[in-house]
């Protein structure tokens, strides 16, 4: 075949004037690839506070519907509307604010006492091997004893006034703070301690600038657990010969089958506990700004 004829362009004389393309060489219809981080964008576009409140609101609506239709009897559990009216009445006559003030004083006193004792024992045990030998075994042994079961002994030792209630709260708080502060101290990276020693820091300099800041995340975790335990201990403490406080209101309501007042008191307990947790979270953000953490995707 002549060279000129072999290099000639293909025949383009067709009705459409286009070169036919084989099916194997035609471009495929590609779908856009959506990255994993972009999935669920519509759901994340909804404000977070709305997403967090959607579940409780649905439960509240279901509760009200069951109460209105008679499926849920008032003697078993009052309706949300009845509970709201009972709470409003308790606030209007000053009963609920007074009870909250008494309960808050008890929790504050128990938290302060237990916090000082638990933190001090954790420092002695965590910073010294001798202190660990003297303290840790005793604390671990006492920790296994159900602290609620000590109520009869507290009543015998301290009477039936405020002292046993505060002591019960302090006991629960001390154990949580001890465990978390001790674990935080012993969890400090040994290389950081060696770096501090190489920079000329003495023992107390290491404790102040290396060990305590490294143990702070554990201490904040222990504080959150301690607050939750403090409110739990308050419930048990105020059920023992209390003449004031939220637990006293609950005991009175139980005698008269007032489920609406009982639920109001439970809501107050939950609100106070949530408020305390928010305060601790705020402290964590302020004191632990140096620690990058994963916040979810």
Foldseek 3Di string as FASTA:
>chain_A
DDPVVVPDDDDQPDPVSDDDDDPVPDDDDDDDDDDPVCPPVVVVVPDPVCVVCPVVVVVLVVQQVCVVVVVQDVLRANRPVVLVVVLVVCVVVVQVVQQAVVLVVLLVLLLVLLVVQLLVLLCQLQLDVVSVVVRVVVLVVVVVPPLLVCLVVCCVVPNLDSRSLSPSLSNLLSSLQNVLLNCQQVPFDVVQVVVCVVVPDDSVSCVVPGRVLSSVVSNLVSSLSSLVSNLVSNLSSCCGPHPGHLNNQLVVCVVVSNNSSNVNSVVVSVVVSVVSNVVSVVVCCVSVVVDDDDDDD
